[in-house]
């Protein structure tokens, strides 16, 4: 399968961070944040993103426990991945994201301290950067 554009989702119970990447150039960037209300993602928002970016592959971060075991959020992320595949008929892969949110928070805290990021944007930035890290993890595993 020839891939070029990759879209990643960092699934959360309130927000889903979204990032976009290119396999050919191994570049990634934070893209957007989708809201989740009553366990339902904003599917219209996701549809708009998919229509605009036309990804070849969707990556979903799989939040495993530190020991690699499943937890409640792992089940929710798998359900979200299945729904994405069913709705959009695009290939979906799960990526171990055990430490991506922690790394994303460190990046955002550094940006906040240096004045590059407003306080009101922190939560959304963490989600988007976590999604970006999911793509980077996947790309690193492809070589």
Protein backbone atom coordinates (compact mmCIF):
# COMPACT_ATOMS: atom_id res chain seq x y z
CA UNK A 1 0.00 0.00 0.00
CA UNK A 2 1.40 3.35 -1.02
CA UNK A 3 0.84 5.96 1.66
CA UNK A 4 1.44 9.61 1.66
CA UNK A 5 -0.89 11.57 3.95
CA UNK A 6 -1.43 10.32 7.48
CA UNK A 7 -3.91 11.73 9.99
CA UNK A 8 -3.58 10.88 13.68
CA UNK A 9 -6.07 11.16 16.50
CA UNK A 10 -5.25 11.39 20.20
CA UNK A 11 -8.59 10.20 21.60
CA UNK A 12 -9.83 11.64 24.87
CA UNK A 13 -13.15 11.73 26.67
CA UNK A 14 -13.49 15.53 26.18
CA UNK A 15 -11.19 16.35 23.28
CA UNK A 16 -9.51 14.56 20.39
CA UNK A 17 -6.22 16.01 19.21
CA UNK A 18 -5.64 15.77 15.47
CA UNK A 19 -2.37 15.98 13.56
CA UNK A 20 -1.38 15.50 9.95
CA UNK A 21 1.77 14.04 8.49
CA UNK A 22 3.43 13.04 5.26
CA UNK A 23 5.16 9.68 5.05
CA UNK A 24 7.34 10.67 2.10
CA UNK A 25 8.88 13.68 3.84
CA UNK A 26 8.42 12.33 7.40
CA UNK A 27 6.94 15.69 8.40
CA UNK A 28 4.19 16.18 10.96
CA UNK A 29 2.27 19.07 12.42
CA UNK A 30 -0.54 19.65 14.90
CA UNK A 31 -3.79 20.29 13.07
CA UNK A 32 -6.94 20.70 15.15
CA UNK A 33 -8.95 19.62 18.18
CA UNK A 34 -12.32 17.88 17.96
CA UNK A 35 -14.73 18.13 20.87
CA UNK A 36 -16.36 15.10 22.47
CA UNK A 37 -19.73 15.50 24.20
CA UNK A 38 -21.48 12.68 26.05
CA UNK A 39 -18.96 10.17 24.64
CA UNK A 40 -19.76 11.27 21.07
CA UNK A 41 -17.09 12.91 18.90
CA UNK A 42 -18.11 15.78 16.67
CA UNK A 43 -18.40 13.58 13.56
CA UNK A 44 -19.20 16.58 11.32
CA UNK A 45 -15.89 18.18 12.34
CA UNK A 46 -14.02 14.93 11.66
CA UNK A 47 -15.77 14.59 8.27
CA UNK A 48 -14.67 18.12 7.32
CA UNK A 49 -11.05 17.37 8.27
CA UNK A 50 -11.04 14.12 6.29
CA UNK A 51 -12.60 15.79 3.26
CA UNK A 52 -10.07 18.62 3.33
CA UNK A 53 -6.91 16.56 3.97
CA UNK A 54 -7.83 13.25 2.27
CA UNK A 55 -5.55 11.03 4.37
CA UNK A 56 -4.49 7.59 3.14
CA UNK A 57 -4.20 6.22 6.68
CA UNK A 58 -5.71 7.07 10.07
CA UNK A 59 -3.68 6.47 13.22
CA UNK A 60 -5.32 6.27 16.62
CA UNK A 61 -3.28 6.51 19.79
CA UNK A 62 -3.81 3.46 22.00
CA UNK A 63 -3.41 4.52 25.64
CA UNK A 64 -2.12 1.34 27.26
CA UNK A 65 -1.26 1.00 30.93
CA UNK A 66 2.42 1.36 31.84
CA UNK A 67 2.77 -2.43 31.87
CA UNK A 68 1.28 -2.65 28.37
CA UNK A 69 -2.12 -3.85 29.55
CA UNK A 70 -5.52 -2.56 28.50
CA UNK A 71 -7.38 0.07 30.49
CA UNK A 72 -10.73 1.85 30.15
CA UNK A 73 -9.36 4.48 27.73
CA UNK A 74 -7.78 1.72 25.59
CA UNK A 75 -11.23 0.23 25.04
CA UNK A 76 -12.68 3.68 24.20
CA UNK A 77 -9.83 4.37 21.72
CA UNK A 78 -10.38 0.97 20.04
CA UNK A 79 -14.12 1.73 19.76
CA UNK A 80 -13.33 5.13 18.20
CA UNK A 81 -10.91 3.45 15.72
CA UNK A 82 -13.59 0.93 14.72
CA UNK A 83 -16.13 3.72 14.22
CA UNK A 84 -13.71 5.73 12.06
CA UNK A 85 -13.06 2.69 9.89
CA UNK A 86 -16.77 1.89 9.60
CA UNK A 87 -17.82 5.45 8.76
CA UNK A 88 -15.06 6.40 6.35
CA UNK A 89 -13.76 3.09 4.97
CA UNK A 90 -10.14 4.19 5.46
CA UNK A 91 -7.35 2.02 6.84
CA UNK A 92 -6.94 2.53 10.59
CA UNK A 93 -3.99 1.52 12.74
CA UNK A 94 -3.57 1.72 16.49
CA UNK A 95 -0.29 3.12 17.84
CA UNK A 96 1.02 2.63 21.38
CA UNK A 97 0.93 6.11 22.89
CA UNK A 98 1.76 5.32 26.48
CA UNK A 99 3.99 8.35 26.97
CA UNK A 100 2.90 10.73 24.19
CA UNK A 101 0.62 12.84 26.41
CA UNK A 102 3.37 13.28 29.01
CA UNK A 103 5.86 14.29 26.30
CA UNK A 104 3.27 16.62 24.74
CA UNK A 105 2.66 18.29 28.11
CA UNK A 106 6.41 18.87 28.53
CA UNK A 107 6.59 20.49 25.07
CA UNK A 108 3.58 22.71 25.81
CA UNK A 109 4.87 23.74 29.25
CA UNK A 110 8.15 24.81 27.63
CA UNK A 111 6.24 26.79 24.97
CA UNK A 112 4.07 28.38 27.66
CA UNK A 113 7.11 29.39 29.73
CA UNK A 114 8.79 31.00 26.73
CA UNK A 115 5.63 32.98 25.96
CA UNK A 116 4.90 31.16 22.70
CA UNK A 117 1.54 29.84 23.86
CA UNK A 118 -1.42 31.48 25.60
CA UNK A 119 -2.78 29.80 28.71
CA UNK A 120 -6.21 29.37 27.12
CA UNK A 121 -4.69 27.26 24.31
CA UNK A 122 -2.74 24.80 26.50
CA UNK A 123 -5.20 21.87 26.67
CA UNK A 124 -5.89 21.90 22.94
CA UNK A 125 -2.18 22.20 22.19
CA UNK A 126 -1.37 19.17 24.36
CA UNK A 127 -3.95 17.06 22.49
CA UNK A 128 -2.71 18.18 19.07
CA UNK A 129 0.95 17.65 19.92
CA UNK A 130 0.15 14.21 21.34
CA UNK A 131 -1.44 13.36 17.96
CA UNK A 132 1.67 14.65 16.20
CA UNK A 133 3.83 12.40 18.40
CA UNK A 134 1.62 9.42 17.45
CA UNK A 135 2.53 10.00 13.79
CA UNK A 136 6.21 10.37 14.67
CA UNK A 137 6.11 7.08 16.61
CA UNK A 138 4.46 5.33 13.67
CA UNK A 139 6.94 6.79 11.17
CA UNK A 140 9.88 5.70 13.34
CA UNK A 141 8.55 2.14 13.33
CA UNK A 142 8.32 2.06 9.52
CA UNK A 143 12.08 2.13 8.92
